[in-house]
Every structure is written in C-alpha cells, then in structure tokens.
PDB file of N, CA and C in Angstrom:
ATOM      1  N   THR A   1       7.112 -19.709   5.381  1.00  0.00           N
ATOM      2  CA  THR A   1       5.760 -19.206   5.207  1.00  0.00           C
ATOM      3  C   THR A   1       4.848 -19.854   6.252  1.00  0.00           C
ATOM      4  N   PRO A   2       4.077 -19.058   6.989  1.00  0.00           N
ATOM      5  CA  PRO A   2       3.167 -19.633   7.979  1.00  0.00           C
ATOM      6  C   PRO A   2       2.020 -20.390   7.310  1.00  0.00           C
ATOM      7  N   PRO A   3       1.265 -21.194   8.078  1.00  0.00           N
ATOM      8  CA  PRO A   3       0.165 -21.966   7.494  1.00  0.00           C
ATOM      9  C   PRO A   3      -0.841 -21.118   6.718  1.00  0.00           C
ATOM     10  N   SER A   4      -1.013 -19.864   7.104  1.00  0.00           N
ATOM     11  CA  SER A   4      -1.950 -18.988   6.392  1.00  0.00           C
ATOM     12  C   SER A   4      -1.443 -18.652   4.998  1.00  0.00           C
ATOM     13  N   GLY A   5      -0.145 -18.833   4.783  1.00  0.00           N
ATOM     14  CA  GLY A   5       0.458 -18.492   3.505  1.00  0.00           C
ATOM     15  C   GLY A   5       0.934 -17.057   3.429  1.00  0.00           C
ATOM     16  N   ALA A   6       0.666 -16.262   4.448  1.00  0.00           N
ATOM     17  CA  ALA A   6       1.059 -14.854   4.428  1.00  0.00           C
ATOM     18  C   ALA A   6       2.578 -14.733   4.505  1.00  0.00           C
ATOM     19  N   THR A   7       3.131 -13.973   3.593  1.00  0.00           N
ATOM     20  CA  THR A   7       4.571 -13.732   3.543  1.00  0.00           C
ATOM     21  C   THR A   7       4.869 -12.329   4.071  1.00  0.00           C
ATOM     22  N   ALA A   8       6.142 -12.005   4.182  1.00  0.00           N
ATOM     23  CA  ALA A   8       6.527 -10.648   4.593  1.00  0.00           C
ATOM     24  C   ALA A   8       5.992  -9.626   3.594  1.00  0.00           C
ATOM     25  N   LEU A   9       6.050  -9.954   2.302  1.00  0.00           N
ATOM     26  CA  LEU A   9       5.530  -9.033   1.290  1.00  0.00           C
ATOM     27  C   LEU A   9       4.028  -8.839   1.471  1.00  0.00           C
ATOM     28  N   PHE A  10       3.315  -9.911   1.708  1.00  0.00           N
ATOM     29  CA  PHE A  10       1.871  -9.819   1.930  1.00  0.00           C
ATOM     30  C   PHE A  10       1.572  -8.922   3.131  1.00  0.00           C
ATOM     31  N   ALA A  11       2.315  -9.116   4.215  1.00  0.00           N
ATOM     32  CA  ALA A  11       2.107  -8.313   5.424  1.00  0.00           C
ATOM     33  C   ALA A  11       2.376  -6.834   5.155  1.00  0.00           C
ATOM     34  N   ALA A  12       3.426  -6.539   4.414  1.00  0.00           N
ATOM     35  CA  ALA A  12       3.746  -5.145   4.091  1.00  0.00           C
ATOM     36  C   ALA A  12       2.663  -4.529   3.210  1.00  0.00           C
ATOM     37  N   CYS A  13       2.116  -5.317   2.293  1.00  0.00           N
ATOM     38  CA  CYS A  13       1.023  -4.836   1.440  1.00  0.00           C
ATOM     39  C   CYS A  13      -0.223  -4.576   2.277  1.00  0.00           C
ATOM     40  N   HIS A  14      -0.479  -5.430   3.223  1.00  0.00           N
ATOM     41  CA  HIS A  14      -1.627  -5.272   4.119  1.00  0.00           C
ATOM     42  C   HIS A  14      -1.508  -3.988   4.934  1.00  0.00           C
ATOM     43  N   ARG A  15      -0.321  -3.728   5.455  1.00  0.00           N
ATOM     44  CA  ARG A  15      -0.110  -2.572   6.333  1.00  0.00           C
ATOM     45  C   ARG A  15       0.092  -1.261   5.576  1.00  0.00           C
ATOM     46  N   GLY A  16       0.335  -1.355   4.278  1.00  0.00           N
ATOM     47  CA  GLY A  16       0.560  -0.137   3.511  1.00  0.00           C
ATOM     48  C   GLY A  16       1.966   0.405   3.639  1.00  0.00           C
ATOM     49  N   SER A  17       2.909  -0.466   3.903  1.00  0.00           N
ATOM     50  CA  SER A  17       4.307  -0.070   4.106  1.00  0.00           C
ATOM     51  C   SER A  17       5.059  -0.078   2.778  1.00  0.00           C
ATOM     52  N   ALA A  18       4.911   0.991   2.013  1.00  0.00           N
ATOM     53  CA  ALA A  18       5.504   1.059   0.677  1.00  0.00           C
ATOM     54  C   ALA A  18       7.023   0.917   0.713  1.00  0.00           C
ATOM     55  N   ASP A  19       7.676   1.508   1.696  1.00  0.00           N
ATOM     56  CA  ASP A  19       9.137   1.401   1.772  1.00  0.00           C
ATOM     57  C   ASP A  19       9.573  -0.041   1.991  1.00  0.00           C
ATOM     58  N   VAL A  20       8.838  -0.759   2.827  1.00  0.00           N
ATOM     59  CA  VAL A  20       9.158  -2.170   3.072  1.00  0.00           C
ATOM     60  C   VAL A  20       8.893  -2.982   1.808  1.00  0.00           C
ATOM     61  N   VAL A  21       7.782  -2.704   1.132  1.00  0.00           N
ATOM     62  CA  VAL A  21       7.474  -3.400  -0.127  1.00  0.00           C
ATOM     63  C   VAL A  21       8.605  -3.181  -1.119  1.00  0.00           C
ATOM     64  N   ARG A  22       9.081  -1.951  -1.233  1.00  0.00           N
ATOM     65  CA  ARG A  22      10.171  -1.626  -2.156  1.00  0.00           C
ATOM     66  C   ARG A  22      11.424  -2.459  -1.847  1.00  0.00           C
ATOM     67  N   VAL A  23      11.784  -2.536  -0.572  1.00  0.00           N
ATOM     68  CA  VAL A  23      12.960  -3.311  -0.158  1.00  0.00           C
ATOM     69  C   VAL A  23      12.762  -4.788  -0.494  1.00  0.00           C
ATOM     70  N   LEU A  24      11.594  -5.320  -0.196  1.00  0.00           N
ATOM     71  CA  LEU A  24      11.324  -6.735  -0.461  1.00  0.00           C
ATOM     72  C   LEU A  24      11.331  -7.036  -1.956  1.00  0.00           C
ATOM     73  N   LEU A  25      10.792  -6.125  -2.754  1.00  0.00           N
ATOM     74  CA  LEU A  25      10.804  -6.331  -4.207  1.00  0.00           C
ATOM     75  C   LEU A  25      12.231  -6.284  -4.747  1.00  0.00           C
ATOM     76  N   GLU A  26      13.049  -5.383  -4.208  1.00  0.00           N
ATOM     77  CA  GLU A  26      14.454  -5.327  -4.623  1.00  0.00           C
ATOM     78  C   GLU A  26      15.183  -6.618  -4.270  1.00  0.00           C
ATOM     79  N   ALA A  27      14.727  -7.279  -3.203  1.00  0.00           N
ATOM     80  CA  ALA A  27      15.316  -8.557  -2.785  1.00  0.00           C
ATOM     81  C   ALA A  27      14.647  -9.738  -3.502  1.00  0.00           C
ATOM     82  N   ARG A  28      13.831  -9.426  -4.491  1.00  0.00           N
ATOM     83  CA  ARG A  28      13.148 -10.424  -5.325  1.00  0.00           C
ATOM     84  C   ARG A  28      12.124 -11.264  -4.569  1.00  0.00           C
ATOM     85  N   ALA A  29      11.350 -10.620  -3.708  1.00  0.00           N
ATOM     86  CA  ALA A  29      10.261 -11.317  -3.021  1.00  0.00           C
ATOM     87  C   ALA A  29       9.273 -11.833  -4.061  1.00  0.00           C
ATOM     88  N   ASP A  30       8.664 -12.958  -3.762  1.00  0.00           N
ATOM     89  CA  ASP A  30       7.716 -13.599  -4.675  1.00  0.00           C
ATOM     90  C   ASP A  30       6.393 -12.841  -4.669  1.00  0.00           C
ATOM     91  N   THR A  31       6.100 -12.152  -5.764  1.00  0.00           N
ATOM     92  CA  THR A  31       4.863 -11.370  -5.856  1.00  0.00           C
ATOM     93  C   THR A  31       3.637 -12.250  -6.058  1.00  0.00           C
ATOM     94  N   GLU A  32       3.852 -13.521  -6.349  1.00  0.00           N
ATOM     95  CA  GLU A  32       2.721 -14.420  -6.611  1.00  0.00           C
ATOM     96  C   GLU A  32       2.429 -15.373  -5.461  1.00  0.00           C
ATOM     97  N   ALA A  33       3.162 -15.274  -4.372  1.00  0.00           N
ATOM     98  CA  ALA A  33       2.902 -16.143  -3.219  1.00  0.00           C
ATOM     99  C   ALA A  33       1.516 -15.827  -2.672  1.00  0.00           C
ATOM    100  N   CYS A  34       0.685 -16.847  -2.588  1.00  0.00           N
ATOM    101  CA  CYS A  34      -0.710 -16.675  -2.169  1.00  0.00           C
ATOM    102  C   CYS A  34      -0.925 -17.123  -0.733  1.00  0.00           C
ATOM    103  N   THR A  35      -1.937 -16.557  -0.122  1.00  0.00           N
ATOM    104  CA  THR A  35      -2.375 -17.034   1.186  1.00  0.00           C
ATOM    105  C   THR A  35      -3.173 -18.318   0.982  1.00  0.00           C
ATOM    106  N   ALA A  36      -3.621 -18.905   2.065  1.00  0.00           N
ATOM    107  CA  ALA A  36      -4.437 -20.117   1.980  1.00  0.00           C
ATOM    108  C   ALA A  36      -5.719 -19.866   1.185  1.00  0.00           C
ATOM    109  N   GLY A  37      -6.164 -18.624   1.118  1.00  0.00           N
ATOM    110  CA  GLY A  37      -7.357 -18.272   0.347  1.00  0.00           C
ATOM    111  C   GLY A  37      -7.048 -17.824  -1.064  1.00  0.00           C
ATOM    112  N   ASP A  38      -5.816 -18.062  -1.511  1.00  0.00           N
ATOM    113  CA  ASP A  38      -5.365 -17.693  -2.855  1.00  0.00           C
ATOM    114  C   ASP A  38      -5.337 -16.182  -3.089  1.00  0.00           C
ATOM    115  N   THR A  39      -5.106 -15.413  -2.049  1.00  0.00           N
ATOM    116  CA  THR A  39      -4.998 -13.964  -2.183  1.00  0.00           C
ATOM    117  C   THR A  39      -3.530 -13.596  -2.351  1.00  0.00           C
ATOM    118  N   THR A  40      -3.229 -12.848  -3.411  1.00  0.00           N
ATOM    119  CA  THR A  40      -1.862 -12.415  -3.684  1.00  0.00           C
ATOM    120  C   THR A  40      -1.578 -11.091  -2.969  1.00  0.00           C
ATOM    121  N   PRO A  41      -0.311 -10.712  -2.869  1.00  0.00           N
ATOM    122  CA  PRO A  41       0.004  -9.399  -2.306  1.00  0.00           C
ATOM    123  C   PRO A  41      -0.698  -8.261  -3.066  1.00  0.00           C
ATOM    124  N   LEU A  42      -0.790  -8.374  -4.396  1.00  0.00           N
ATOM    125  CA  LEU A  42      -1.482  -7.347  -5.182  1.00  0.00           C
ATOM    126  C   LEU A  42      -2.944  -7.242  -4.755  1.00  0.00           C
ATOM    127  N   MET A  43      -3.599  -8.374  -4.611  1.00  0.00           N
ATOM    128  CA  MET A  43      -5.002  -8.352  -4.186  1.00  0.00           C
ATOM    129  C   MET A  43      -5.150  -7.719  -2.806  1.00  0.00           C
ATOM    130  N   GLN A  44      -4.218  -8.014  -1.912  1.00  0.00           N
ATOM    131  CA  GLN A  44      -4.294  -7.445  -0.565  1.00  0.00           C
ATOM    132  C   GLN A  44      -4.092  -5.939  -0.601  1.00  0.00           C
ATOM    133  N   ALA A  45      -3.153  -5.468  -1.410  1.00  0.00           N
ATOM    134  CA  ALA A  45      -2.948  -4.023  -1.540  1.00  0.00           C
ATOM    135  C   ALA A  45      -4.208  -3.355  -2.083  1.00  0.00           C
ATOM    136  N   LEU A  46      -4.877  -4.005  -3.024  1.00  0.00           N
ATOM    137  CA  LEU A  46      -6.126  -3.468  -3.564  1.00  0.00           C
ATOM    138  C   LEU A  46      -7.225  -3.462  -2.506  1.00  0.00           C
ATOM    139  N   LYS A  47      -7.332  -4.544  -1.764  1.00  0.00           N
ATOM    140  CA  LYS A  47      -8.350  -4.619  -0.702  1.00  0.00           C
ATOM    141  C   LYS A  47      -8.186  -3.477   0.292  1.00  0.00           C
ATOM    142  N   ARG A  48      -6.945  -3.125   0.569  1.00  0.00           N
ATOM    143  CA  ARG A  48      -6.662  -2.098   1.571  1.00  0.00           C
ATOM    144  C   ARG A  48      -6.569  -0.690   0.971  1.00  0.00           C
ATOM    145  N   GLY A  49      -6.666  -0.585  -0.373  1.00  0.00           N
ATOM    146  CA  GLY A  49      -6.661   0.722  -1.022  1.00  0.00           C
ATOM    147  C   GLY A  49      -5.307   1.394  -1.109  1.00  0.00           C
ATOM    148  N   HIS A  50      -4.236   0.608  -1.160  1.00  0.00           N
ATOM    149  CA  HIS A  50      -2.874   1.157  -1.198  1.00  0.00           C
ATOM    150  C   HIS A  50      -2.387   1.288  -2.649  1.00  0.00           C
ATOM    151  N   LEU A  51      -2.794   2.368  -3.316  1.00  0.00           N
ATOM    152  CA  LEU A  51      -2.463   2.577  -4.726  1.00  0.00           C
ATOM    153  C   LEU A  51      -0.961   2.596  -4.965  1.00  0.00           C
ATOM    154  N   ASP A  52      -0.199   3.228  -4.085  1.00  0.00           N
ATOM    155  CA  ASP A  52       1.252   3.289  -4.285  1.00  0.00           C
ATOM    156  C   ASP A  52       1.857   1.892  -4.326  1.00  0.00           C
ATOM    157  N   ILE A  53       1.345   1.006  -3.505  1.00  0.00           N
ATOM    158  CA  ILE A  53       1.855  -0.367  -3.479  1.00  0.00           C
ATOM    159  C   ILE A  53       1.378  -1.141  -4.697  1.00  0.00           C
ATOM    160  N   VAL A  54       0.151  -0.901  -5.123  1.00  0.00           N
ATOM    161  CA  VAL A  54      -0.347  -1.529  -6.356  1.00  0.00           C
ATOM    162  C   VAL A  54       0.593  -1.175  -7.502  1.00  0.00           C
ATOM    163  N   GLN A  55       0.954   0.093  -7.617  1.00  0.00           N
ATOM    164  CA  GLN A  55       1.853   0.524  -8.687  1.00  0.00           C
ATOM    165  C   GLN A  55       3.217  -0.149  -8.573  1.00  0.00           C
ATOM    166  N   LEU A  56       3.756  -0.232  -7.371  1.00  0.00           N
ATOM    167  CA  LEU A  56       5.055  -0.891  -7.175  1.00  0.00           C
ATOM    168  C   LEU A  56       5.000  -2.351  -7.605  1.00  0.00           C
ATOM    169  N   LEU A  57       3.954  -3.053  -7.200  1.00  0.00           N
ATOM    170  CA  LEU A  57       3.829  -4.474  -7.529  1.00  0.00           C
ATOM    171  C   LEU A  57       3.682  -4.693  -9.031  1.00  0.00           C
ATOM    172  N   VAL A  58       2.857  -3.887  -9.672  1.00  0.00           N
ATOM    173  CA  VAL A  58       2.665  -4.031 -11.123  1.00  0.00           C
ATOM    174  C   VAL A  58       3.968  -3.714 -11.851  1.00  0.00           C
ATOM    175  N   GLN A  59       4.664  -2.667 -11.435  1.00  0.00           N
ATOM    176  CA  GLN A  59       5.951  -2.331 -12.051  1.00  0.00           C
ATOM    177  C   GLN A  59       6.967  -3.449 -11.862  1.00  0.00           C
ATOM    178  N   ALA A  60       6.846  -4.191 -10.768  1.00  0.00           N
ATOM    179  CA  ALA A  60       7.765  -5.301 -10.490  1.00  0.00           C
ATOM    180  C   ALA A  60       7.361  -6.578 -11.220  1.00  0.00           C
ATOM    181  N   GLY A  61       6.259  -6.517 -11.959  1.00  0.00           N
ATOM    182  CA  GLY A  61       5.844  -7.672 -12.749  1.00  0.00           C
ATOM    183  C   GLY A  61       4.824  -8.584 -12.104  1.00  0.00           C
ATOM    184  N   ALA A  62       4.175  -8.130 -11.039  1.00  0.00           N
ATOM    185  CA  ALA A  62       3.138  -8.956 -10.413  1.00  0.00           C
ATOM    186  C   ALA A  62       2.029  -9.236 -11.421  1.00  0.00           C
ATOM    187  N   ALA A  63       1.557 -10.457 -11.430  1.00  0.00           N
ATOM    188  CA  ALA A  63       0.478 -10.843 -12.343  1.00  0.00           C
ATOM    189  C   ALA A  63      -0.790 -10.075 -11.994  1.00  0.00           C
ATOM    190  N   THR A  64      -1.425  -9.523 -13.008  1.00  0.00           N
ATOM    191  CA  THR A  64      -2.653  -8.756 -12.800  1.00  0.00           C
ATOM    192  C   THR A  64      -3.886  -9.589 -13.110  1.00  0.00           C
ATOM    193  N   HIS A  65      -3.686 -10.852 -13.404  1.00  0.00           N
ATOM    194  CA  HIS A  65      -4.799 -11.751 -13.712  1.00  0.00           C
ATOM    195  C   HIS A  65      -4.957 -12.761 -12.573  1.00  0.00           C
ATOM    196  N   GLY A  66      -5.886 -13.628 -12.717  1.00  0.00           N
ATOM    197  CA  GLY A  66      -6.096 -14.675 -11.726  1.00  0.00           C
ATOM    198  C   GLY A  66      -7.218 -14.341 -10.774  1.00  0.00           C
ATOM    199  N   LYS A  67      -7.613 -15.336 -10.000  1.00  0.00           N
ATOM    200  CA  LYS A  67      -8.719 -15.186  -9.057  1.00  0.00           C
ATOM    201  C   LYS A  67      -8.328 -15.808  -7.727  1.00  0.00           C
ATOM    202  N   ASN A  68      -8.902 -15.272  -6.666  1.00  0.00           N
ATOM    203  CA  ASN A  68      -8.704 -15.923  -5.373  1.00  0.00           C
ATOM    204  C   ASN A  68      -9.746 -17.029  -5.219  1.00  0.00           C
ATOM    205  N   ARG A  69      -9.764 -17.667  -4.087  1.00  0.00           N
ATOM    206  CA  ARG A  69     -10.664 -18.801  -3.875  1.00  0.00           C
ATOM    207  C   ARG A  69     -12.135 -18.412  -4.034  1.00  0.00           C
ATOM    208  N   ALA A  70     -12.469 -17.159  -3.783  1.00  0.00           N
ATOM    209  CA  ALA A  70     -13.848 -16.678  -3.922  1.00  0.00           C
ATOM    210  C   ALA A  70     -14.172 -16.281  -5.358  1.00  0.00           C
ATOM    211  N   GLY A  71     -13.191 -16.378  -6.255  1.00  0.00           N
ATOM    212  CA  GLY A  71     -13.409 -16.017  -7.650  1.00  0.00           C
ATOM    213  C   GLY A  71     -13.202 -14.547  -7.956  1.00  0.00           C
ATOM    214  N   VAL A  72     -12.609 -13.820  -7.028  1.00  0.00           N
ATOM    215  CA  VAL A  72     -12.406 -12.381  -7.181  1.00  0.00           C
ATOM    216  C   VAL A  72     -11.084 -12.103  -7.888  1.00  0.00           C
ATOM    217  N   THR A  73     -11.117 -11.212  -8.873  1.00  0.00           N
ATOM    218  CA  THR A  73      -9.918 -10.820  -9.616  1.00  0.00           C
ATOM    219  C   THR A  73      -9.393  -9.475  -9.094  1.00  0.00           C
ATOM    220  N   PRO A  74      -8.134  -9.165  -9.384  1.00  0.00           N
ATOM    221  CA  PRO A  74      -7.620  -7.850  -8.995  1.00  0.00           C
ATOM    222  C   PRO A  74      -8.444  -6.701  -9.591  1.00  0.00           C
ATOM    223  N   LEU A  75      -8.851  -6.830 -10.847  1.00  0.00           N
ATOM    224  CA  LEU A  75      -9.625  -5.759 -11.474  1.00  0.00           C
ATOM    225  C   LEU A  75     -10.972  -5.584 -10.778  1.00  0.00           C
ATOM    226  N   PHE A  76     -11.602  -6.693 -10.411  1.00  0.00           N
ATOM    227  CA  PHE A  76     -12.860  -6.587  -9.671  1.00  0.00           C
ATOM    228  C   PHE A  76     -12.644  -5.835  -8.362  1.00  0.00           C
ATOM    229  N   LEU A  77     -11.583  -6.182  -7.635  1.00  0.00           N
ATOM    230  CA  LEU A  77     -11.309  -5.509  -6.365  1.00  0.00           C
ATOM    231  C   LEU A  77     -11.143  -4.009  -6.565  1.00  0.00           C
ATOM    232  N   ALA A  78     -10.400  -3.625  -7.588  1.00  0.00           N
ATOM    233  CA  ALA A  78     -10.185  -2.199  -7.852  1.00  0.00           C
ATOM    234  C   ALA A  78     -11.509  -1.498  -8.136  1.00  0.00           C
ATOM    235  N   CYS A  79     -12.328  -2.109  -8.969  1.00  0.00           N
ATOM    236  CA  CYS A  79     -13.611  -1.496  -9.333  1.00  0.00           C
ATOM    237  C   CYS A  79     -14.581  -1.490  -8.155  1.00  0.00           C
ATOM    238  N   TYR A  80     -14.649  -2.581  -7.438  1.00  0.00           N
ATOM    239  CA  TYR A  80     -15.560  -2.700  -6.302  1.00  0.00           C
ATOM    240  C   TYR A  80     -15.231  -1.673  -5.226  1.00  0.00           C
ATOM    241  N   ARG A  81     -13.950  -1.414  -5.024  1.00  0.00           N
ATOM    242  CA  ARG A  81     -13.521  -0.455  -4.004  1.00  0.00           C
ATOM    243  C   ARG A  81     -13.510   0.984  -4.522  1.00  0.00           C
ATOM    244  N   GLY A  82     -13.836   1.175  -5.806  1.00  0.00           N
ATOM    245  CA  GLY A  82     -13.866   2.519  -6.362  1.00  0.00           C
ATOM    246  C   GLY A  82     -12.488   3.106  -6.589  1.00  0.00           C
ATOM    247  N   LEU A  83     -11.510   2.247  -6.820  1.00  0.00           N
ATOM    248  CA  LEU A  83     -10.126   2.686  -7.013  1.00  0.00           C
ATOM    249  C   LEU A  83      -9.855   2.867  -8.505  1.00  0.00           C
ATOM    250  N   MET A  84     -10.339   3.980  -9.054  1.00  0.00           N
ATOM    251  CA  MET A  84     -10.251   4.205 -10.488  1.00  0.00           C
ATOM    252  C   MET A  84      -8.811   4.184 -10.985  1.00  0.00           C
ATOM    253  N   GLU A  85      -7.905   4.826 -10.270  1.00  0.00           N
ATOM    254  CA  GLU A  85      -6.509   4.858 -10.716  1.00  0.00           C
ATOM    255  C   GLU A  85      -5.893   3.462 -10.676  1.00  0.00           C
ATOM    256  N   ALA A  86      -6.246   2.671  -9.676  1.00  0.00           N
ATOM    257  CA  ALA A  86      -5.747   1.292  -9.606  1.00  0.00           C
ATOM    258  C   ALA A  86      -6.294   0.480 -10.774  1.00  0.00           C
ATOM    259  N   ALA A  87      -7.565   0.673 -11.103  1.00  0.00           N
ATOM    260  CA  ALA A  87      -8.151  -0.025 -12.252  1.00  0.00           C
ATOM    261  C   ALA A  87      -7.408   0.364 -13.526  1.00  0.00           C
ATOM    262  N   ARG A  88      -7.084   1.630 -13.653  1.00  0.00           N
ATOM    263  CA  ARG A  88      -6.340   2.110 -14.827  1.00  0.00           C
ATOM    264  C   ARG A  88      -4.956   1.451 -14.896  1.00  0.00           C
ATOM    265  N   VAL A  89      -4.273   1.370 -13.761  1.00  0.00           N
ATOM    266  CA  VAL A  89      -2.952   0.729 -13.705  1.00  0.00           C
ATOM    267  C   VAL A  89      -3.059  -0.724 -14.170  1.00  0.00           C
ATOM    268  N   LEU A  90      -4.072  -1.436 -13.689  1.00  0.00           N
ATOM    269  CA  LEU A  90      -4.254  -2.845 -14.057  1.00  0.00           C
ATOM    270  C   LEU A  90      -4.561  -3.005 -15.538  1.00  0.00           C
ATOM    271  N   VAL A  91      -5.453  -2.175 -16.061  1.00  0.00           N
ATOM    272  CA  VAL A  91      -5.811  -2.265 -17.483  1.00  0.00           C
ATOM    273  C   VAL A  91      -4.606  -1.923 -18.352  1.00  0.00           C
ATOM    274  N   GLU A  92      -3.871  -0.887 -17.982  1.00  0.00           N
ATOM    275  CA  GLU A  92      -2.683  -0.510 -18.755  1.00  0.00           C
ATOM    276  C   GLU A  92      -1.604  -1.584 -18.695  1.00  0.00           C
ATOM    277  N   ALA A  93      -1.633  -2.403 -17.638  1.00  0.00           N
ATOM    278  CA  ALA A  93      -0.667  -3.501 -17.514  1.00  0.00           C
ATOM    279  C   ALA A  93      -1.107  -4.731 -18.300  1.00  0.00           C
ATOM    280  N   GLY A  94      -2.284  -4.661 -18.910  1.00  0.00           N
ATOM    281  CA  GLY A  94      -2.727  -5.758 -19.764  1.00  0.00           C
ATOM    282  C   GLY A  94      -3.836  -6.629 -19.217  1.00  0.00           C
ATOM    283  N   THR A  95      -4.415  -6.264 -18.087  1.00  0.00           N
ATOM    284  CA  THR A  95      -5.517  -7.051 -17.538  1.00  0.00           C
ATOM    285  C   THR A  95      -6.679  -7.044 -18.513  1.00  0.00           C
ATOM    286  N   LYS A  96      -7.196  -8.228 -18.801  1.00  0.00           N
ATOM    287  CA  LYS A  96      -8.309  -8.324 -19.730  1.00  0.00           C
ATOM    288  C   LYS A  96      -9.503  -9.071 -19.133  1.00  0.00           C
ATOM    289  N   GLU A  97      -9.458  -9.373 -17.852  1.00  0.00           N
ATOM    290  CA  GLU A  97     -10.550 -10.118 -17.244  1.00  0.00           C
ATOM    291  C   GLU A  97     -11.841  -9.327 -17.248  1.00  0.00           C
ATOM    292  N   ARG A  98     -12.905 -10.065 -17.259  1.00  0.00           N
ATOM    293  CA  ARG A  98     -14.213  -9.447 -17.103  1.00  0.00           C
ATOM    294  C   ARG A  98     -14.390  -9.082 -15.638  1.00  0.00           C
ATOM    295  N   VAL A  99     -15.136  -8.044 -15.411  1.00  0.00           N
ATOM    296  CA  VAL A  99     -15.447  -7.631 -14.054  1.00  0.00           C
ATOM    297  C   VAL A  99     -16.859  -8.088 -13.757  1.00  0.00           C
ATOM    298  N   TYR A 100     -17.001  -8.960 -12.788  1.00  0.00           N
ATOM    299  CA  TYR A 100     -18.309  -9.472 -12.408  1.00  0.00           C
ATOM    300  C   TYR A 100     -18.868  -8.665 -11.254  1.00  0.00           C
ATOM    301  N   SER A 101     -20.170  -8.653 -11.164  1.00  0.00           N
ATOM    302  CA  SER A 101     -20.812  -7.977 -10.038  1.00  0.00           C
ATOM    303  C   SER A 101     -20.647  -8.831  -8.788  1.00  0.00           C
ATOM    304  N   ALA A 102     -20.876  -8.233  -7.652  1.00  0.00           N
ATOM    305  CA  ALA A 102     -20.759  -8.970  -6.391  1.00  0.00           C
ATOM    306  C   ALA A 102     -21.743 -10.134  -6.353  1.00  0.00           C
ATOM    307  N   GLU A 103     -22.883  -9.995  -7.012  1.00  0.00           N
ATOM    308  CA  GLU A 103     -23.875 -11.066  -7.034  1.00  0.00           C
ATOM    309  C   GLU A 103     -23.363 -12.291  -7.782  1.00  0.00           C
ATOM    310  N   ASP A 104     -22.470 -12.090  -8.731  1.00  0.00           N
ATOM    311  CA  ASP A 104     -21.934 -13.205  -9.513  1.00  0.00           C
ATOM    312  C   ASP A 104     -20.905 -14.014  -8.738  1.00  0.00           C
ATOM    313  N   LEU A 105     -20.443 -13.466  -7.624  1.00  0.00           N
ATOM    314  CA  LEU A 105     -19.459 -14.196  -6.832  1.00  0.00           C
ATOM    315  C   LEU A 105     -20.180 -15.240  -6.044  1.00  0.00           C
TER     316      LEU A 105
END
C-alpha cells in the first residue's frame, strides 16, 4: 500500500472500473482499507457517482457506517451527491447514521 493508503480496489473504485472491482472482490480485496484521509473504497465510489460499484461493494459486505477524517459518512456522500439509489442501497444494507448538513462538517 502506498503512503496515501490507496489500494488497487480504491483505484478501481475511483476510476469506475466495475469489472476490475469484481475481480478484486473475488480475490478478497480488503473493502475497509482506508486512505490516509480515512476514505474507504465505498466512499470513493460514492464520491465519483459509481452506483454499480457501490452495489458491488455493499453486496461484498463493505461496511456502510463510519466516517472519514472530515466526519463524512457514506450516507451523507450519497445524499449530498443526489444519489438516491445509492442512498437506498445503503439504508437497505442497514445504515442508520444521521445525515448532517455540509455546515455541520
């Protein structure tokens, strides 16, 4: 893992490479490996608006809770970016975090 903490899975989530994400998940890539800023692959997929990858990660058991260093949760990212289907996926997976406004960050 480089000093930034970015893994191959994180990079694939960033680029929107669903096929690569699928291969890495089949090889048991760590879905919880964080960058130096505590951003998970799930959070990165949400930041970039890659719903297909969000679904793959959640189906693979990626944690839908937690916060990055800025205090941002996956559910907040989905709502902030207007990703209604991603928010639905997270809630159906059991996310119960409160969604804070950007001012609360």
